[in-house]
Amino acid sequence: VDAENPNAQGQVRMANEQGQQYSIKYTPGSVFSY
């Protein structure tokens, strides 16, 4: 979410700057070994 432009739409970012798609496994709210 853009913190400087209140008119910008929030986005789900799914790739890095090189265009490689994310596959995120390790987050604080995940389950099991992840």
PDB file of all heavy atoms in Angstrom:
ATOM      1  N   VAL A   1       0.861  -1.182   0.000  1.00  0.00           N
ATOM      2  CA  VAL A   1       0.000   0.000   0.000  1.00  0.00           C
ATOM      3  C   VAL A   1       0.896   1.230   0.000  1.00  0.00           C
ATOM      4  O   VAL A   1       1.779   1.359   0.846  1.00  0.00           O
ATOM      5  CB  VAL A   1      -0.926   0.021   1.234  1.00  0.00           C
ATOM      6  CG1 VAL A   1      -1.745   1.314   1.253  1.00  0.00           C
ATOM      7  CG2 VAL A   1      -1.846  -1.185   1.222  1.00  0.00           C
ATOM      8  N   ASP A   2       0.682   2.111  -0.953  1.00  0.00           N
ATOM      9  CA  ASP A   2       1.469   3.346  -1.046  1.00  0.00           C
ATOM     10  C   ASP A   2       1.158   4.222   0.167  1.00  0.00           C
ATOM     11  O   ASP A   2       0.005   4.577   0.411  1.00  0.00           O
ATOM     12  CB  ASP A   2       1.124   4.087  -2.339  1.00  0.00           C
ATOM     13  CG  ASP A   2       2.129   5.168  -2.685  1.00  0.00           C
ATOM     14  OD1 ASP A   2       2.464   5.963  -1.792  1.00  0.00           O
ATOM     15  OD2 ASP A   2       2.583   5.217  -3.849  1.00  0.00           O
ATOM     16  N   ALA A   3       2.193   4.576   0.933  1.00  0.00           N
ATOM     17  CA  ALA A   3       1.995   5.378   2.141  1.00  0.00           C
ATOM     18  C   ALA A   3       2.012   6.877   1.858  1.00  0.00           C
ATOM     19  O   ALA A   3       1.742   7.671   2.765  1.00  0.00           O
ATOM     20  CB  ALA A   3       3.069   5.041   3.177  1.00  0.00           C
ATOM     21  N   GLU A   4       2.334   7.277   0.624  1.00  0.00           N
ATOM     22  CA  GLU A   4       2.430   8.694   0.297  1.00  0.00           C
ATOM     23  C   GLU A   4       1.321   9.163  -0.631  1.00  0.00           C
ATOM     24  O   GLU A   4       1.030  10.358  -0.679  1.00  0.00           O
ATOM     25  CB  GLU A   4       3.789   8.984  -0.352  1.00  0.00           C
ATOM     26  CG  GLU A   4       4.968   8.694   0.570  1.00  0.00           C
ATOM     27  CD  GLU A   4       6.290   9.096  -0.056  1.00  0.00           C
ATOM     28  OE1 GLU A   4       6.294   9.938  -0.979  1.00  0.00           O
ATOM     29  OE2 GLU A   4       7.329   8.555   0.372  1.00  0.00           O
ATOM     30  N   ASN A   5       0.713   8.257  -1.366  1.00  0.00           N
ATOM     31  CA  ASN A   5      -0.317   8.634  -2.327  1.00  0.00           C
ATOM     32  C   ASN A   5      -1.644   8.005  -1.911  1.00  0.00           C
ATOM     33  O   ASN A   5      -1.865   6.813  -2.118  1.00  0.00           O
ATOM     34  CB  ASN A   5       0.070   8.168  -3.731  1.00  0.00           C
ATOM     35  CG  ASN A   5      -0.965   8.562  -4.778  1.00  0.00           C
ATOM     36  OD1 ASN A   5      -1.953   9.245  -4.477  1.00  0.00           O
ATOM     37  ND2 ASN A   5      -0.747   8.136  -6.012  1.00  0.00           N
ATOM     38  N   PRO A   6      -2.554   8.788  -1.334  1.00  0.00           N
ATOM     39  CA  PRO A   6      -3.822   8.220  -0.870  1.00  0.00           C
ATOM     40  C   PRO A   6      -4.735   7.743  -1.984  1.00  0.00           C
ATOM     41  O   PRO A   6      -5.692   7.018  -1.738  1.00  0.00           O
ATOM     42  CB  PRO A   6      -4.463   9.372  -0.087  1.00  0.00           C
ATOM     43  CG  PRO A   6      -3.867  10.598  -0.691  1.00  0.00           C
ATOM     44  CD  PRO A   6      -2.469  10.239  -1.076  1.00  0.00           C
ATOM     45  N   ASN A   7      -4.441   8.141  -3.220  1.00  0.00           N
ATOM     46  CA  ASN A   7      -5.277   7.730  -4.352  1.00  0.00           C
ATOM     47  C   ASN A   7      -4.776   6.472  -5.040  1.00  0.00           C
ATOM     48  O   ASN A   7      -5.431   5.947  -5.933  1.00  0.00           O
ATOM     49  CB  ASN A   7      -5.349   8.876  -5.371  1.00  0.00           C
ATOM     50  CG  ASN A   7      -5.994  10.123  -4.798  1.00  0.00           C
ATOM     51  OD1 ASN A   7      -6.999  10.045  -4.105  1.00  0.00           O
ATOM     52  ND2 ASN A   7      -5.409  11.280  -5.075  1.00  0.00           N
ATOM     53  N   ALA A   8      -3.595   6.004  -4.648  1.00  0.00           N
ATOM     54  CA  ALA A   8      -3.049   4.791  -5.268  1.00  0.00           C
ATOM     55  C   ALA A   8      -3.789   3.564  -4.743  1.00  0.00           C
ATOM     56  O   ALA A   8      -4.149   3.481  -3.578  1.00  0.00           O
ATOM     57  CB  ALA A   8      -1.556   4.667  -4.963  1.00  0.00           C
ATOM     58  N   GLN A   9      -4.003   2.595  -5.616  1.00  0.00           N
ATOM     59  CA  GLN A   9      -4.685   1.366  -5.237  1.00  0.00           C
ATOM     60  C   GLN A   9      -3.706   0.402  -4.559  1.00  0.00           C
ATOM     61  O   GLN A   9      -2.556   0.288  -4.977  1.00  0.00           O
ATOM     62  CB  GLN A   9      -5.290   0.688  -6.471  1.00  0.00           C
ATOM     63  CG  GLN A   9      -6.355   1.512  -7.175  1.00  0.00           C
ATOM     64  CD  GLN A   9      -7.566   1.733  -6.293  1.00  0.00           C
ATOM     65  OE1 GLN A   9      -8.073   0.820  -5.648  1.00  0.00           O
ATOM     66  NE2 GLN A   9      -8.040   2.970  -6.253  1.00  0.00           N
ATOM     67  N   GLY A  10      -4.163  -0.264  -3.514  1.00  0.00           N
ATOM     68  CA  GLY A  10      -3.352  -1.305  -2.914  1.00  0.00           C
ATOM     69  C   GLY A  10      -3.163  -2.461  -3.889  1.00  0.00           C
ATOM     70  O   GLY A  10      -4.038  -2.728  -4.716  1.00  0.00           O
ATOM     71  N   GLN A  11      -2.025  -3.134  -3.811  1.00  0.00           N
ATOM     72  CA  GLN A  11      -1.735  -4.218  -4.740  1.00  0.00           C
ATOM     73  C   GLN A  11      -1.186  -5.426  -3.994  1.00  0.00           C
ATOM     74  O   GLN A  11      -0.584  -5.291  -2.930  1.00  0.00           O
ATOM     75  CB  GLN A  11      -0.694  -3.764  -5.777  1.00  0.00           C
ATOM     76  CG  GLN A  11      -1.152  -2.633  -6.655  1.00  0.00           C
ATOM     77  CD  GLN A  11      -0.075  -2.222  -7.658  1.00  0.00           C
ATOM     78  OE1 GLN A  11       1.077  -2.627  -7.551  1.00  0.00           O
ATOM     79  NE2 GLN A  11      -0.465  -1.433  -8.651  1.00  0.00           N
ATOM     80  N   VAL A  12      -1.425  -6.599  -4.561  1.00  0.00           N
ATOM     81  CA  VAL A  12      -0.750  -7.801  -4.105  1.00  0.00           C
ATOM     82  C   VAL A  12       0.433  -8.008  -5.032  1.00  0.00           C
ATOM     83  O   VAL A  12       0.265  -8.319  -6.213  1.00  0.00           O
ATOM     84  CB  VAL A  12      -1.685  -9.029  -4.126  1.00  0.00           C
ATOM     85  CG1 VAL A  12      -0.909 -10.269  -3.690  1.00  0.00           C
ATOM     86  CG2 VAL A  12      -2.882  -8.807  -3.214  1.00  0.00           C
ATOM     87  N   ARG A  13       1.604  -7.799  -4.514  1.00  0.00           N
ATOM     88  CA  ARG A  13       2.807  -7.954  -5.347  1.00  0.00           C
ATOM     89  C   ARG A  13       3.166  -9.425  -5.405  1.00  0.00           C
ATOM     90  O   ARG A  13       3.277 -10.092  -4.374  1.00  0.00           O
ATOM     91  CB  ARG A  13       3.958  -7.134  -4.783  1.00  0.00           C
ATOM     92  CG  ARG A  13       5.159  -7.140  -5.728  1.00  0.00           C
ATOM     93  CD  ARG A  13       6.266  -6.227  -5.278  1.00  0.00           C
ATOM     94  NE  ARG A  13       7.364  -6.279  -6.228  1.00  0.00           N
ATOM     95  CZ  ARG A  13       7.757  -5.292  -7.015  1.00  0.00           C
ATOM     96  NH1 ARG A  13       7.107  -4.134  -6.986  1.00  0.00           N
ATOM     97  NH2 ARG A  13       8.780  -5.443  -7.836  1.00  0.00           N
ATOM     98  N   MET A  14       3.386  -9.940  -6.619  1.00  0.00           N
ATOM     99  CA  MET A  14       3.599 -11.369  -6.812  1.00  0.00           C
ATOM    100  C   MET A  14       4.937 -11.698  -7.476  1.00  0.00           C
ATOM    101  O   MET A  14       5.191 -12.871  -7.766  1.00  0.00           O
ATOM    102  CB  MET A  14       2.459 -11.962  -7.645  1.00  0.00           C
ATOM    103  CG  MET A  14       1.103 -11.866  -6.973  1.00  0.00           C
ATOM    104  SD  MET A  14      -0.194 -12.698  -7.926  1.00  0.00           S
ATOM    105  CE  MET A  14      -1.575 -12.607  -6.783  1.00  0.00           C
ATOM    106  N   ALA A  15       5.800 -10.689  -7.698  1.00  0.00           N
ATOM    107  CA  ALA A  15       7.087 -10.953  -8.346  1.00  0.00           C
ATOM    108  C   ALA A  15       8.074  -9.876  -7.933  1.00  0.00           C
ATOM    109  O   ALA A  15       7.690  -8.752  -7.566  1.00  0.00           O
ATOM    110  CB  ALA A  15       6.942 -10.984  -9.865  1.00  0.00           C
ATOM    111  N   ASN A  16       9.378 -10.228  -8.004  1.00  0.00           N
ATOM    112  CA  ASN A  16      10.405  -9.254  -7.680  1.00  0.00           C
ATOM    113  C   ASN A  16      10.706  -8.375  -8.896  1.00  0.00           C
ATOM    114  O   ASN A  16      10.023  -8.468  -9.927  1.00  0.00           O
ATOM    115  CB  ASN A  16      11.668  -9.948  -7.157  1.00  0.00           C
ATOM    116  CG  ASN A  16      12.336 -10.838  -8.207  1.00  0.00           C
ATOM    117  OD1 ASN A  16      11.987 -10.829  -9.389  1.00  0.00           O
ATOM    118  ND2 ASN A  16      13.315 -11.615  -7.775  1.00  0.00           N
ATOM    119  N   GLU A  17      11.729  -7.549  -8.789  1.00  0.00           N
ATOM    120  CA  GLU A  17      12.028  -6.612  -9.860  1.00  0.00           C
ATOM    121  C   GLU A  17      12.455  -7.307 -11.147  1.00  0.00           C
ATOM    122  O   GLU A  17      12.322  -6.743 -12.234  1.00  0.00           O
ATOM    123  CB  GLU A  17      13.131  -5.645  -9.415  1.00  0.00           C
ATOM    124  CG  GLU A  17      12.664  -4.602  -8.419  1.00  0.00           C
ATOM    125  CD  GLU A  17      11.688  -3.614  -9.031  1.00  0.00           C
ATOM    126  OE1 GLU A  17      12.125  -2.600  -9.595  1.00  0.00           O
ATOM    127  OE2 GLU A  17      10.466  -3.871  -8.959  1.00  0.00           O
ATOM    128  N   GLN A  18      12.972  -8.519 -11.036  1.00  0.00           N
ATOM    129  CA  GLN A  18      13.385  -9.271 -12.223  1.00  0.00           C
ATOM    130  C   GLN A  18      12.254 -10.088 -12.830  1.00  0.00           C
ATOM    131  O   GLN A  18      12.453 -10.814 -13.806  1.00  0.00           O
ATOM    132  CB  GLN A  18      14.554 -10.202 -11.881  1.00  0.00           C
ATOM    133  CG  GLN A  18      15.897  -9.499 -11.684  1.00  0.00           C
ATOM    134  CD  GLN A  18      15.945  -8.704 -10.400  1.00  0.00           C
ATOM    135  OE1 GLN A  18      15.478  -9.182  -9.364  1.00  0.00           O
ATOM    136  NE2 GLN A  18      16.513  -7.517 -10.440  1.00  0.00           N
ATOM    137  N   GLY A  19      11.055  -9.985 -12.243  1.00  0.00           N
ATOM    138  CA  GLY A  19       9.912 -10.704 -12.772  1.00  0.00           C
ATOM    139  C   GLY A  19       9.778 -12.130 -12.271  1.00  0.00           C
ATOM    140  O   GLY A  19       8.916 -12.876 -12.752  1.00  0.00           O
ATOM    141  N   GLN A  20      10.615 -12.536 -11.313  1.00  0.00           N
ATOM    142  CA  GLN A  20      10.540 -13.896 -10.765  1.00  0.00           C
ATOM    143  C   GLN A  20       9.366 -13.990  -9.786  1.00  0.00           C
ATOM    144  O   GLN A  20       9.259 -13.207  -8.852  1.00  0.00           O
ATOM    145  CB  GLN A  20      11.849 -14.255 -10.056  1.00  0.00           C
ATOM    146  CG  GLN A  20      13.050 -14.255 -10.986  1.00  0.00           C
ATOM    147  CD  GLN A  20      14.367 -14.372 -10.235  1.00  0.00           C
ATOM    148  OE1 GLN A  20      14.479 -13.989  -9.075  1.00  0.00           O
ATOM    149  NE2 GLN A  20      15.383 -14.893 -10.906  1.00  0.00           N
ATOM    150  N   GLN A  21       8.476 -14.949 -10.020  1.00  0.00           N
ATOM    151  CA  GLN A  21       7.287 -15.101  -9.201  1.00  0.00           C
ATOM    152  C   GLN A  21       7.658 -15.541  -7.779  1.00  0.00           C
ATOM    153  O   GLN A  21       8.552 -16.356  -7.583  1.00  0.00           O
ATOM    154  CB  GLN A  21       6.346 -16.131  -9.827  1.00  0.00           C
ATOM    155  CG  GLN A  21       5.786 -15.712 -11.188  1.00  0.00           C
ATOM    156  CD  GLN A  21       4.835 -14.534 -11.076  1.00  0.00           C
ATOM    157  OE1 GLN A  21       3.929 -14.536 -10.252  1.00  0.00           O
ATOM    158  NE2 GLN A  21       5.051 -13.528 -11.918  1.00  0.00           N
ATOM    159  N   TYR A  22       6.933 -14.987  -6.812  1.00  0.00           N
ATOM    160  CA  TYR A  22       7.169 -15.355  -5.421  1.00  0.00           C
ATOM    161  C   TYR A  22       6.574 -16.720  -5.103  1.00  0.00           C
ATOM    162  O   TYR A  22       5.535 -17.111  -5.657  1.00  0.00           O
ATOM    163  CB  TYR A  22       6.530 -14.341  -4.461  1.00  0.00           C
ATOM    164  CG  TYR A  22       7.083 -12.943  -4.523  1.00  0.00           C
ATOM    165  CD1 TYR A  22       6.224 -11.846  -4.511  1.00  0.00           C
ATOM    166  CD2 TYR A  22       8.452 -12.702  -4.577  1.00  0.00           C
ATOM    167  CE1 TYR A  22       6.711 -10.551  -4.545  1.00  0.00           C
ATOM    168  CE2 TYR A  22       8.953 -11.405  -4.612  1.00  0.00           C
ATOM    169  CZ  TYR A  22       8.075 -10.333  -4.595  1.00  0.00           C
ATOM    170  OH  TYR A  22       8.549  -9.063  -4.633  1.00  0.00           O
ATOM    171  N   SER A  23       7.207 -17.412  -4.172  1.00  0.00           N
ATOM    172  CA  SER A  23       6.630 -18.598  -3.531  1.00  0.00           C
ATOM    173  C   SER A  23       7.036 -18.530  -2.064  1.00  0.00           C
ATOM    174  O   SER A  23       8.019 -19.117  -1.632  1.00  0.00           O
ATOM    175  CB  SER A  23       7.149 -19.886  -4.171  1.00  0.00           C
ATOM    176  OG  SER A  23       6.596 -21.020  -3.498  1.00  0.00           O
ATOM    177  N   ILE A  24       6.259 -17.744  -1.310  1.00  0.00           N
ATOM    178  CA  ILE A  24       6.586 -17.456   0.091  1.00  0.00           C
ATOM    179  C   ILE A  24       6.035 -18.563   0.976  1.00  0.00           C
ATOM    180  O   ILE A  24       4.837 -18.873   0.929  1.00  0.00           O
ATOM    181  CB  ILE A  24       6.012 -16.084   0.491  1.00  0.00           C
ATOM    182  CG1 ILE A  24       6.628 -14.984  -0.376  1.00  0.00           C
ATOM    183  CG2 ILE A  24       6.240 -15.805   1.965  1.00  0.00           C
ATOM    184  CD1 ILE A  24       5.993 -13.622  -0.201  1.00  0.00           C
ATOM    185  N   LYS A  25       6.899 -19.142   1.780  1.00  0.00           N
ATOM    186  CA  LYS A  25       6.478 -20.249   2.641  1.00  0.00           C
ATOM    187  C   LYS A  25       6.553 -19.903   4.125  1.00  0.00           C
ATOM    188  O   LYS A  25       5.765 -20.421   4.915  1.00  0.00           O
ATOM    189  CB  LYS A  25       7.351 -21.478   2.365  1.00  0.00           C
ATOM    190  CG  LYS A  25       7.307 -21.977   0.926  1.00  0.00           C
ATOM    191  CD  LYS A  25       8.186 -23.200   0.758  1.00  0.00           C
ATOM    192  CE  LYS A  25       8.147 -23.736  -0.675  1.00  0.00           C
ATOM    193  NZ  LYS A  25       8.791 -22.810  -1.620  1.00  0.00           N
ATOM    194  N   TYR A  26       7.491 -19.057   4.505  1.00  0.00           N
ATOM    195  CA  TYR A  26       7.762 -18.840   5.930  1.00  0.00           C
ATOM    196  C   TYR A  26       7.227 -17.477   6.366  1.00  0.00           C
ATOM    197  O   TYR A  26       7.738 -16.429   5.978  1.00  0.00           O
ATOM    198  CB  TYR A  26       9.270 -18.934   6.194  1.00  0.00           C
ATOM    199  CG  TYR A  26       9.833 -20.277   5.797  1.00  0.00           C
ATOM    200  CD1 TYR A  26      10.363 -20.481   4.521  1.00  0.00           C
ATOM    201  CD2 TYR A  26       9.809 -21.352   6.681  1.00  0.00           C
ATOM    202  CE1 TYR A  26      10.863 -21.723   4.144  1.00  0.00           C
ATOM    203  CE2 TYR A  26      10.309 -22.595   6.316  1.00  0.00           C
ATOM    204  CZ  TYR A  26      10.827 -22.769   5.046  1.00  0.00           C
ATOM    205  OH  TYR A  26      11.319 -24.005   4.675  1.00  0.00           O
ATOM    206  N   THR A  27       6.163 -17.501   7.158  1.00  0.00           N
ATOM    207  CA  THR A  27       5.550 -16.283   7.692  1.00  0.00           C
ATOM    208  C   THR A  27       5.148 -16.534   9.140  1.00  0.00           C
ATOM    209  O   THR A  27       4.957 -17.688   9.559  1.00  0.00           O
ATOM    210  CB  THR A  27       4.304 -15.877   6.893  1.00  0.00           C
ATOM    211  OG1 THR A  27       3.288 -16.879   7.068  1.00  0.00           O
ATOM    212  CG2 THR A  27       4.611 -15.707   5.419  1.00  0.00           C
ATOM    213  N   PRO A  28       4.997 -15.458   9.944  1.00  0.00           N
ATOM    214  CA  PRO A  28       4.632 -15.641  11.353  1.00  0.00           C
ATOM    215  C   PRO A  28       3.302 -16.341  11.561  1.00  0.00           C
ATOM    216  O   PRO A  28       3.109 -17.035  12.557  1.00  0.00           O
ATOM    217  CB  PRO A  28       4.590 -14.207  11.893  1.00  0.00           C
ATOM    218  CG  PRO A  28       5.501 -13.446  10.992  1.00  0.00           C
ATOM    219  CD  PRO A  28       5.318 -14.059   9.636  1.00  0.00           C
ATOM    220  N   GLY A  29       2.347 -16.190  10.636  1.00  0.00           N
ATOM    221  CA  GLY A  29       1.029 -16.771  10.844  1.00  0.00           C
ATOM    222  C   GLY A  29       0.807 -18.092  10.153  1.00  0.00           C
ATOM    223  O   GLY A  29      -0.310 -18.622  10.171  1.00  0.00           O
ATOM    224  N   SER A  30       1.860 -18.664   9.546  1.00  0.00           N
ATOM    225  CA  SER A  30       1.681 -19.912   8.814  1.00  0.00           C
ATOM    226  C   SER A  30       1.601 -21.093   9.789  1.00  0.00           C
ATOM    227  O   SER A  30       1.659 -20.933  11.003  1.00  0.00           O
ATOM    228  CB  SER A  30       2.822 -20.110   7.817  1.00  0.00           C
ATOM    229  OG  SER A  30       2.491 -21.111   6.880  1.00  0.00           O
ATOM    230  N   VAL A  31       1.478 -22.297   9.241  1.00  0.00           N
ATOM    231  CA  VAL A  31       1.273 -23.486  10.077  1.00  0.00           C
ATOM    232  C   VAL A  31       2.368 -24.514   9.802  1.00  0.00           C
ATOM    233  O   VAL A  31       3.143 -24.400   8.857  1.00  0.00           O
ATOM    234  CB  VAL A  31      -0.108 -24.110   9.804  1.00  0.00           C
ATOM    235  CG1 VAL A  31      -1.217 -23.147  10.192  1.00  0.00           C
ATOM    236  CG2 VAL A  31      -0.241 -24.496   8.327  1.00  0.00           C
ATOM    237  N   PHE A  32       2.401 -25.512  10.692  1.00  0.00           N
ATOM    238  CA  PHE A  32       3.360 -26.616  10.590  1.00  0.00           C
ATOM    239  C   PHE A  32       4.793 -26.065  10.561  1.00  0.00           C
ATOM    240  O   PHE A  32       5.108 -25.077  11.215  1.00  0.00           O
ATOM    241  CB  PHE A  32       3.062 -27.493   9.371  1.00  0.00           C
ATOM    242  CG  PHE A  32       1.627 -27.939   9.278  1.00  0.00           C
ATOM    243  CD1 PHE A  32       0.861 -27.641   8.160  1.00  0.00           C
ATOM    244  CD2 PHE A  32       1.033 -28.647  10.332  1.00  0.00           C
ATOM    245  CE1 PHE A  32      -0.466 -28.040   8.082  1.00  0.00           C
ATOM    246  CE2 PHE A  32      -0.291 -29.052  10.249  1.00  0.00           C
ATOM    247  CZ  PHE A  32      -1.038 -28.753   9.131  1.00  0.00           C
ATOM    248  N   SER A  33       5.657 -26.682   9.779  1.00  0.00           N
ATOM    249  CA  SER A  33       7.064 -26.289   9.760  1.00  0.00           C
ATOM    250  C   SER A  33       7.293 -24.955   9.060  1.00  0.00           C
ATOM    251  O   SER A  33       8.407 -24.424   9.087  1.00  0.00           O
ATOM    252  CB  SER A  33       7.896 -27.374   9.059  1.00  0.00           C
ATOM    253  OG  SER A  33       7.460 -27.561   7.725  1.00  0.00           O
ATOM    254  N   TYR A  34       6.233 -24.412   8.424  1.00  0.00           N
ATOM    255  CA  TYR A  34       6.382 -23.135   7.739  1.00  0.00           C
ATOM    256  C   TYR A  34       6.060 -21.946   8.645  1.00  0.00           C
ATOM    257  O   TYR A  34       6.216 -20.796   8.227  1.00  0.00           O
ATOM    258  CB  TYR A  34       5.488 -23.097   6.502  1.00  0.00           C
ATOM    259  CG  TYR A  34       5.863 -24.136   5.477  1.00  0.00           C
ATOM    260  CD1 TYR A  34       4.974 -25.133   5.099  1.00  0.00           C
ATOM    261  CD2 TYR A  34       7.135 -24.129   4.905  1.00  0.00           C
ATOM    262  CE1 TYR A  34       5.328 -26.098   4.170  1.00  0.00           C
ATOM    263  CE2 TYR A  34       7.499 -25.092   3.973  1.00  0.00           C
ATOM    264  CZ  TYR A  34       6.597 -26.078   3.609  1.00  0.00           C
ATOM    265  OH  TYR A  34       6.959 -27.025   2.685  1.00  0.00           O
TER     266      TYR A  34
END
